[in-house]
């Protein structure tokens, strides 16, 4: 059994009000040295079989169709324990 990870982030040109709120709150909580925060989503998908190219292609299709909004978000797909694509 393999696990695929899909990380979804707003595209850099899209404003991130949640990230901005977090960045403003950090100094009030005693954290300094942070200039920007971007908030995203992470999906962990357990596969019944191996994480071969066909399975990863299906996961990319899932991300394009349901997990991410490709108009305003980018996503990466990786197998747990391997670097992001």
PDB file of N, CA and C in Angstrom:
ATOM      1  N   UNK A   1       0.848  -1.173   0.000  1.00  0.00           N
ATOM      2  CA  UNK A   1       0.000   0.000   0.000  1.00  0.00           C
ATOM      3  C   UNK A   1       0.896   1.240   0.000  1.00  0.00           C
ATOM      4  N   UNK A   2       0.516   2.234  -0.762  1.00  0.00           N
ATOM      5  CA  UNK A   2       1.285   3.471  -0.858  1.00  0.00           C
ATOM      6  C   UNK A   2       0.404   4.640  -0.450  1.00  0.00           C
ATOM      7  N   UNK A   3       1.037   5.742  -0.131  1.00  0.00           N
ATOM      8  CA  UNK A   3       0.314   6.960   0.220  1.00  0.00           C
ATOM      9  C   UNK A   3       0.811   8.086  -0.671  1.00  0.00           C
ATOM     10  N   UNK A   4      -0.136   8.760  -1.316  1.00  0.00           N
ATOM     11  CA  UNK A   4       0.190   9.931  -2.125  1.00  0.00           C
ATOM     12  C   UNK A   4      -0.239  11.178  -1.361  1.00  0.00           C
ATOM     13  N   UNK A   5       0.536  12.226  -1.508  1.00  0.00           N
ATOM     14  CA  UNK A   5       0.257  13.502  -0.858  1.00  0.00           C
ATOM     15  C   UNK A   5      -0.013  14.531  -1.947  1.00  0.00           C
ATOM     16  N   UNK A   6      -1.125  15.255  -1.799  1.00  0.00           N
ATOM     17  CA  UNK A   6      -1.453  16.352  -2.703  1.00  0.00           C
ATOM     18  C   UNK A   6      -1.438  17.628  -1.867  1.00  0.00           C
ATOM     19  N   UNK A   7      -0.520  18.537  -2.194  1.00  0.00           N
ATOM     20  CA  UNK A   7      -0.452  19.834  -1.536  1.00  0.00           C
ATOM     21  C   UNK A   7      -1.044  20.872  -2.473  1.00  0.00           C
ATOM     22  N   UNK A   8      -1.980  21.661  -1.973  1.00  0.00           N
ATOM     23  CA  UNK A   8      -2.669  22.676  -2.772  1.00  0.00           C
ATOM     24  C   UNK A   8      -2.371  24.045  -2.161  1.00  0.00           C
ATOM     25  N   UNK A   9      -1.928  24.970  -2.996  1.00  0.00           N
ATOM     26  CA  UNK A   9      -1.635  26.335  -2.543  1.00  0.00           C
ATOM     27  C   UNK A   9      -2.234  27.329  -3.526  1.00  0.00           C
ATOM     28  N   UNK A  10      -2.641  28.484  -3.000  1.00  0.00           N
ATOM     29  CA  UNK A  10      -3.067  29.552  -3.893  1.00  0.00           C
ATOM     30  C   UNK A  10      -1.904  29.954  -4.782  1.00  0.00           C
ATOM     31  N   UNK A  11      -2.204  30.318  -6.020  1.00  0.00           N
ATOM     32  CA  UNK A  11      -1.162  30.809  -6.917  1.00  0.00           C
ATOM     33  C   UNK A  11      -0.562  32.075  -6.316  1.00  0.00           C
ATOM     34  N   UNK A  12       0.705  32.344  -6.589  1.00  0.00           N
ATOM     35  CA  UNK A  12       1.381  33.492  -5.961  1.00  0.00           C
ATOM     36  C   UNK A  12       0.681  34.836  -6.204  1.00  0.00           C
ATOM     37  N   UNK A  13       0.027  34.982  -7.337  1.00  0.00           N
ATOM     38  CA  UNK A  13      -0.613  36.263  -7.648  1.00  0.00           C
ATOM     39  C   UNK A  13      -1.987  36.435  -6.996  1.00  0.00           C
ATOM     40  N   UNK A  14      -2.483  35.394  -6.332  1.00  0.00           N
ATOM     41  CA  UNK A  14      -3.785  35.446  -5.662  1.00  0.00           C
ATOM     42  C   UNK A  14      -3.580  35.870  -4.207  1.00  0.00           C
ATOM     43  N   UNK A  15      -4.343  36.866  -3.751  1.00  0.00           N
ATOM     44  CA  UNK A  15      -4.259  37.298  -2.364  1.00  0.00           C
ATOM     45  C   UNK A  15      -4.685  36.160  -1.433  1.00  0.00           C
ATOM     46  N   UNK A  16      -4.035  36.081  -0.288  1.00  0.00           N
ATOM     47  CA  UNK A  16      -4.303  35.035   0.689  1.00  0.00           C
ATOM     48  C   UNK A  16      -4.694  35.681   2.022  1.00  0.00           C
ATOM     49  N   UNK A  17      -5.984  36.025   2.204  1.00  0.00           N
ATOM     50  CA  UNK A  17      -6.384  36.694   3.440  1.00  0.00           C
ATOM     51  C   UNK A  17      -6.144  35.860   4.694  1.00  0.00           C
ATOM     52  N   UNK A  18      -6.279  34.541   4.610  1.00  0.00           N
ATOM     53  CA  UNK A  18      -5.995  33.707   5.784  1.00  0.00           C
ATOM     54  C   UNK A  18      -4.524  33.764   6.149  1.00  0.00           C
ATOM     55  N   UNK A  19      -3.672  33.689   5.147  1.00  0.00           N
ATOM     56  CA  UNK A  19      -2.241  33.794   5.398  1.00  0.00           C
ATOM     57  C   UNK A  19      -1.869  35.150   5.974  1.00  0.00           C
ATOM     58  N   UNK A  20      -2.500  36.216   5.474  1.00  0.00           N
ATOM     59  CA  UNK A  20      -2.229  37.556   5.991  1.00  0.00           C
ATOM     60  C   UNK A  20      -2.666  37.674   7.450  1.00  0.00           C
ATOM     61  N   UNK A  21      -3.818  37.105   7.792  1.00  0.00           N
ATOM     62  CA  UNK A  21      -4.291  37.142   9.177  1.00  0.00           C
ATOM     63  C   UNK A  21      -3.326  36.395  10.103  1.00  0.00           C
ATOM     64  N   UNK A  22      -2.825  35.268   9.639  1.00  0.00           N
ATOM     65  CA  UNK A  22      -1.857  34.508  10.435  1.00  0.00           C
ATOM     66  C   UNK A  22      -0.581  35.321  10.620  1.00  0.00           C
ATOM     67  N   UNK A  23      -0.099  35.936   9.538  1.00  0.00           N
ATOM     68  CA  UNK A  23       1.131  36.735   9.609  1.00  0.00           C
ATOM     69  C   UNK A  23       0.973  37.899  10.584  1.00  0.00           C
ATOM     70  N   UNK A  24      -0.205  38.527  10.610  1.00  0.00           N
ATOM     71  CA  UNK A  24      -0.442  39.642  11.547  1.00  0.00           C
ATOM     72  C   UNK A  24      -0.531  39.153  13.000  1.00  0.00           C
ATOM     73  N   UNK A  25      -1.023  37.927  13.200  1.00  0.00           N
ATOM     74  CA  UNK A  25      -1.189  37.403  14.560  1.00  0.00           C
ATOM     75  C   UNK A  25       0.134  36.924  15.170  1.00  0.00           C
ATOM     76  N   UNK A  26       1.059  36.490  14.354  1.00  0.00           N
ATOM     77  CA  UNK A  26       2.301  35.913  14.885  1.00  0.00           C
ATOM     78  C   UNK A  26       3.057  36.853  15.815  1.00  0.00           C
ATOM     79  N   UNK A  27       3.269  38.138  15.465  1.00  0.00           N
ATOM     80  CA  UNK A  27       3.988  39.021  16.400  1.00  0.00           C
ATOM     81  C   UNK A  27       3.254  39.195  17.732  1.00  0.00           C
ATOM     82  N   UNK A  28       1.922  39.212  17.692  1.00  0.00           N
ATOM     83  CA  UNK A  28       1.156  39.336  18.940  1.00  0.00           C
ATOM     84  C   UNK A  28       1.347  38.110  19.836  1.00  0.00           C
ATOM     85  N   UNK A  29       1.701  36.987  19.224  1.00  0.00           N
ATOM     86  CA  UNK A  29       1.924  35.755  19.978  1.00  0.00           C
ATOM     87  C   UNK A  29       3.396  35.549  20.342  1.00  0.00           C
ATOM     88  N   UNK A  30       4.213  36.542  20.030  1.00  0.00           N
ATOM     89  CA  UNK A  30       5.622  36.482  20.404  1.00  0.00           C
ATOM     90  C   UNK A  30       6.549  35.924  19.345  1.00  0.00           C
ATOM     91  N   UNK A  31       6.059  35.705  18.144  1.00  0.00           N
ATOM     92  CA  UNK A  31       6.903  35.189  17.064  1.00  0.00           C
ATOM     93  C   UNK A  31       7.333  36.346  16.173  1.00  0.00           C
ATOM     94  N   UNK A  32       8.619  36.409  15.861  1.00  0.00           N
ATOM     95  CA  UNK A  32       9.121  37.485  15.009  1.00  0.00           C
ATOM     96  C   UNK A  32       9.911  36.902  13.843  1.00  0.00           C
ATOM     97  N   UNK A  33      10.222  37.751  12.888  1.00  0.00           N
ATOM     98  CA  UNK A  33      11.059  37.331  11.762  1.00  0.00           C
ATOM     99  C   UNK A  33      10.298  36.679  10.629  1.00  0.00           C
ATOM    100  N   UNK A  34       8.968  36.715  10.653  1.00  0.00           N
ATOM    101  CA  UNK A  34       8.170  36.131   9.577  1.00  0.00           C
ATOM    102  C   UNK A  34       7.629  37.265   8.717  1.00  0.00           C
ATOM    103  N   UNK A  35       7.934  37.251   7.428  1.00  0.00           N
ATOM    104  CA  UNK A  35       7.468  38.334   6.561  1.00  0.00           C
ATOM    105  C   UNK A  35       6.187  37.981   5.820  1.00  0.00           C
ATOM    106  N   UNK A  36       5.993  36.716   5.475  1.00  0.00           N
ATOM    107  CA  UNK A  36       4.820  36.311   4.710  1.00  0.00           C
ATOM    108  C   UNK A  36       4.390  34.915   5.134  1.00  0.00           C
ATOM    109  N   UNK A  37       3.076  34.690   5.132  1.00  0.00           N
ATOM    110  CA  UNK A  37       2.521  33.363   5.380  1.00  0.00           C
ATOM    111  C   UNK A  37       1.526  33.073   4.264  1.00  0.00           C
ATOM    112  N   UNK A  38       1.601  31.890   3.686  1.00  0.00           N
ATOM    113  CA  UNK A  38       0.626  31.423   2.700  1.00  0.00           C
ATOM    114  C   UNK A  38      -0.012  30.172   3.279  1.00  0.00           C
ATOM    115  N   UNK A  39      -1.319  30.118   3.280  1.00  0.00           N
ATOM    116  CA  UNK A  39      -2.052  28.996   3.848  1.00  0.00           C
ATOM    117  C   UNK A  39      -2.509  28.087   2.716  1.00  0.00           C
ATOM    118  N   UNK A  40      -2.441  26.782   2.924  1.00  0.00           N
ATOM    119  CA  UNK A  40      -2.838  25.841   1.878  1.00  0.00           C
ATOM    120  C   UNK A  40      -3.570  24.641   2.454  1.00  0.00           C
ATOM    121  N   UNK A  41      -3.699  23.620   1.613  1.00  0.00           N
ATOM    122  CA  UNK A  41      -4.393  22.384   2.003  1.00  0.00           C
ATOM    123  C   UNK A  41      -3.489  21.199   1.671  1.00  0.00           C
ATOM    124  N   UNK A  42      -3.641  20.136   2.447  1.00  0.00           N
ATOM    125  CA  UNK A  42      -2.893  18.892   2.212  1.00  0.00           C
ATOM    126  C   UNK A  42      -3.882  17.739   2.232  1.00  0.00           C
ATOM    127  N   UNK A  43      -3.781  16.887   1.232  1.00  0.00           N
ATOM    128  CA  UNK A  43      -4.613  15.689   1.144  1.00  0.00           C
ATOM    129  C   UNK A  43      -3.700  14.473   1.152  1.00  0.00           C
ATOM    130  N   UNK A  44      -4.020  13.483   1.953  1.00  0.00           N
ATOM    131  CA  UNK A  44      -3.287  12.216   1.982  1.00  0.00           C
ATOM    132  C   UNK A  44      -4.204  11.152   1.403  1.00  0.00           C
ATOM    133  N   UNK A  45      -3.743  10.487   0.369  1.00  0.00           N
ATOM    134  CA  UNK A  45      -4.555   9.507  -0.346  1.00  0.00           C
ATOM    135  C   UNK A  45      -3.875   8.151  -0.249  1.00  0.00           C
ATOM    136  N   UNK A  46      -4.550   7.207   0.392  1.00  0.00           N
ATOM    137  CA  UNK A  46      -4.042   5.835   0.506  1.00  0.00           C
ATOM    138  C   UNK A  46      -4.428   5.070  -0.754  1.00  0.00           C
ATOM    139  N   UNK A  47      -3.464   4.405  -1.352  1.00  0.00           N
ATOM    140  CA  UNK A  47      -3.695   3.627  -2.565  1.00  0.00           C
ATOM    141  C   UNK A  47      -3.767   2.145  -2.215  1.00  0.00           C
ATOM    142  N   UNK A  48      -4.625   1.419  -2.916  1.00  0.00           N
ATOM    143  CA  UNK A  48      -4.721  -0.029  -2.713  1.00  0.00           C
ATOM    144  C   UNK A  48      -3.501  -0.748  -3.261  1.00  0.00           C
ATOM    145  N   UNK A  49      -2.922  -0.209  -4.299  1.00  0.00           N
ATOM    146  CA  UNK A  49      -1.768  -0.838  -4.934  1.00  0.00           C
ATOM    147  C   UNK A  49      -0.569   0.084  -4.925  1.00  0.00           C
ATOM    148  N   UNK A  50       0.360  -0.147  -5.836  1.00  0.00           N
ATOM    149  CA  UNK A  50       1.566   0.671  -5.884  1.00  0.00           C
ATOM    150  C   UNK A  50       1.274   2.070  -6.435  1.00  0.00           C
ATOM    151  N   UNK A  51       2.167   2.991  -6.120  1.00  0.00           N
ATOM    152  CA  UNK A  51       2.058   4.362  -6.630  1.00  0.00           C
ATOM    153  C   UNK A  51       2.783   4.446  -7.965  1.00  0.00           C
ATOM    154  N   UNK A  52       2.244   3.740  -8.952  1.00  0.00           N
ATOM    155  CA  UNK A  52       2.860   3.763 -10.282  1.00  0.00           C
ATOM    156  C   UNK A  52       2.347   4.978 -11.062  1.00  0.00           C
ATOM    157  N   UNK A  53       2.819   5.128 -12.288  1.00  0.00           N
ATOM    158  CA  UNK A  53       2.448   6.299 -13.090  1.00  0.00           C
ATOM    159  C   UNK A  53       0.948   6.379 -13.346  1.00  0.00           C
ATOM    160  N   UNK A  54       0.285   5.249 -13.538  1.00  0.00           N
ATOM    161  CA  UNK A  54      -1.168   5.263 -13.766  1.00  0.00           C
ATOM    162  C   UNK A  54      -1.910   5.774 -12.537  1.00  0.00           C
ATOM    163  N   UNK A  55      -1.502   5.320 -11.354  1.00  0.00           N
ATOM    164  CA  UNK A  55      -2.147   5.770 -10.116  1.00  0.00           C
ATOM    165  C   UNK A  55      -1.901   7.257  -9.898  1.00  0.00           C
ATOM    166  N   UNK A  56      -0.672   7.706 -10.158  1.00  0.00           N
ATOM    167  CA  UNK A  56      -0.363   9.128  -9.982  1.00  0.00           C
ATOM    168  C   UNK A  56      -1.096   9.992 -11.003  1.00  0.00           C
ATOM    169  N   UNK A  57      -1.286   9.484 -12.204  1.00  0.00           N
ATOM    170  CA  UNK A  57      -2.067  10.216 -13.208  1.00  0.00           C
ATOM    171  C   UNK A  57      -3.513  10.373 -12.739  1.00  0.00           C
ATOM    172  N   UNK A  58      -4.072   9.316 -12.147  1.00  0.00           N
ATOM    173  CA  UNK A  58      -5.430   9.396 -11.599  1.00  0.00           C
ATOM    174  C   UNK A  58      -5.507  10.428 -10.472  1.00  0.00           C
ATOM    175  N   UNK A  59      -4.499  10.461  -9.630  1.00  0.00           N
ATOM    176  CA  UNK A  59      -4.493  11.415  -8.520  1.00  0.00           C
ATOM    177  C   UNK A  59      -4.376  12.842  -9.041  1.00  0.00           C
ATOM    178  N   UNK A  60      -3.560  13.044 -10.069  1.00  0.00           N
ATOM    179  CA  UNK A  60      -3.475  14.386 -10.673  1.00  0.00           C
ATOM    180  C   UNK A  60      -4.827  14.807 -11.238  1.00  0.00           C
ATOM    181  N   UNK A  61      -5.549  13.867 -11.844  1.00  0.00           N
ATOM    182  CA  UNK A  61      -6.881  14.157 -12.369  1.00  0.00           C
ATOM    183  C   UNK A  61      -7.838  14.494 -11.226  1.00  0.00           C
ATOM    184  N   UNK A  62      -7.749  13.749 -10.102  1.00  0.00           N
ATOM    185  CA  UNK A  62      -8.564  14.059  -8.926  1.00  0.00           C
ATOM    186  C   UNK A  62      -8.295  15.484  -8.450  1.00  0.00           C
ATOM    187  N   UNK A  63      -7.013  15.844  -8.406  1.00  0.00           N
ATOM    188  CA  UNK A  63      -6.645  17.174  -7.938  1.00  0.00           C
ATOM    189  C   UNK A  63      -7.192  18.253  -8.863  1.00  0.00           C
ATOM    190  N   UNK A  64      -7.072  18.048 -10.175  1.00  0.00           N
ATOM    191  CA  UNK A  64      -7.576  19.028 -11.149  1.00  0.00           C
ATOM    192  C   UNK A  64      -9.089  19.162 -11.085  1.00  0.00           C
ATOM    193  N   UNK A  65      -9.779  18.052 -10.797  1.00  0.00           N
ATOM    194  CA  UNK A  65     -11.231  18.008 -10.854  1.00  0.00           C
ATOM    195  C   UNK A  65     -11.896  18.397  -9.537  1.00  0.00           C
ATOM    196  N   UNK A  66     -11.335  17.958  -8.410  1.00  0.00           N
ATOM    197  CA  UNK A  66     -12.027  18.101  -7.133  1.00  0.00           C
ATOM    198  C   UNK A  66     -11.207  18.778  -6.046  1.00  0.00           C
ATOM    199  N   UNK A  67      -9.954  18.418  -5.902  1.00  0.00           N
ATOM    200  CA  UNK A  67      -9.177  18.860  -4.750  1.00  0.00           C
ATOM    201  C   UNK A  67      -8.685  20.299  -4.861  1.00  0.00           C
ATOM    202  N   UNK A  68      -8.450  20.771  -6.076  1.00  0.00           N
ATOM    203  CA  UNK A  68      -7.923  22.123  -6.283  1.00  0.00           C
ATOM    204  C   UNK A  68      -8.770  22.849  -7.314  1.00  0.00           C
ATOM    205  N   UNK A  69      -8.766  24.159  -7.227  1.00  0.00           N
ATOM    206  CA  UNK A  69      -9.372  24.999  -8.251  1.00  0.00           C
ATOM    207  C   UNK A  69      -8.232  25.517  -9.116  1.00  0.00           C
ATOM    208  N   UNK A  70      -8.006  24.917 -10.298  1.00  0.00           N
ATOM    209  CA  UNK A  70      -6.825  25.259 -11.087  1.00  0.00           C
ATOM    210  C   UNK A  70      -6.788  26.711 -11.575  1.00  0.00           C
ATOM    211  N   UNK A  71      -7.894  27.423 -11.470  1.00  0.00           N
ATOM    212  CA  UNK A  71      -7.901  28.831 -11.860  1.00  0.00           C
ATOM    213  C   UNK A  71      -7.100  29.655 -10.849  1.00  0.00           C
ATOM    214  N   UNK A  72      -7.219  29.320  -9.552  1.00  0.00           N
ATOM    215  CA  UNK A  72      -6.553  30.121  -8.525  1.00  0.00           C
ATOM    216  C   UNK A  72      -5.556  29.343  -7.667  1.00  0.00           C
ATOM    217  N   UNK A  73      -5.464  28.027  -7.866  1.00  0.00           N
ATOM    218  CA  UNK A  73      -4.584  27.213  -7.029  1.00  0.00           C
ATOM    219  C   UNK A  73      -3.647  26.354  -7.869  1.00  0.00           C
ATOM    220  N   UNK A  74      -2.453  26.141  -7.332  1.00  0.00           N
ATOM    221  CA  UNK A  74      -1.494  25.183  -7.879  1.00  0.00           C
ATOM    222  C   UNK A  74      -1.480  23.974  -6.945  1.00  0.00           C
ATOM    223  N   UNK A  75      -1.059  22.834  -7.474  1.00  0.00           N
ATOM    224  CA  UNK A  75      -0.945  21.657  -6.613  1.00  0.00           C
ATOM    225  C   UNK A  75       0.273  20.845  -7.017  1.00  0.00           C
ATOM    226  N   UNK A  76       0.765  20.074  -6.049  1.00  0.00           N
ATOM    227  CA  UNK A  76       1.832  19.117  -6.309  1.00  0.00           C
ATOM    228  C   UNK A  76       1.361  17.755  -5.812  1.00  0.00           C
ATOM    229  N   UNK A  77       1.809  16.726  -6.484  1.00  0.00           N
ATOM    230  CA  UNK A  77       1.495  15.351  -6.100  1.00  0.00           C
ATOM    231  C   UNK A  77       2.828  14.645  -5.877  1.00  0.00           C
ATOM    232  N   UNK A  78       2.905  13.930  -4.758  1.00  0.00           N
ATOM    233  CA  UNK A  78       4.121  13.158  -4.481  1.00  0.00           C
ATOM    234  C   UNK A  78       3.748  11.909  -3.710  1.00  0.00           C
ATOM    235  N   UNK A  79       4.607  10.951  -3.771  1.00  0.00           N
ATOM    236  CA  UNK A  79       4.453   9.734  -2.982  1.00  0.00           C
ATOM    237  C   UNK A  79       5.145   9.996  -1.655  1.00  0.00           C
ATOM    238  N   UNK A  80       4.515   9.634  -0.557  1.00  0.00           N
ATOM    239  CA  UNK A  80       5.095   9.881   0.753  1.00  0.00           C
ATOM    240  C   UNK A  80       6.504   9.324   0.804  1.00  0.00           C
ATOM    241  N   UNK A  81       7.426  10.137   1.285  1.00  0.00           N
ATOM    242  CA  UNK A  81       8.813   9.724   1.377  1.00  0.00           C
ATOM    243  C   UNK A  81       9.642  10.097   0.153  1.00  0.00           C
ATOM    244  N   UNK A  82       8.997  10.637  -0.891  1.00  0.00           N
ATOM    245  CA  UNK A  82       9.721  11.075  -2.087  1.00  0.00           C
ATOM    246  C   UNK A  82       9.572  12.581  -2.222  1.00  0.00           C
ATOM    247  N   UNK A  83      10.518  13.271  -2.901  1.00  0.00           N
ATOM    248  CA  UNK A  83      10.424  14.715  -3.063  1.00  0.00           C
ATOM    249  C   UNK A  83       9.219  15.100  -3.945  1.00  0.00           C
ATOM    250  N   UNK A  84       8.710  16.322  -3.752  1.00  0.00           N
ATOM    251  CA  UNK A  84       7.583  16.827  -4.561  1.00  0.00           C
ATOM    252  C   UNK A  84       8.005  16.955  -6.010  1.00  0.00           C
ATOM    253  N   UNK A  85       7.012  16.817  -6.887  1.00  0.00           N
ATOM    254  CA  UNK A  85       7.294  16.907  -8.333  1.00  0.00           C
ATOM    255  C   UNK A  85       7.432  18.357  -8.760  1.00  0.00           C
TER     256      UNK A  85
END
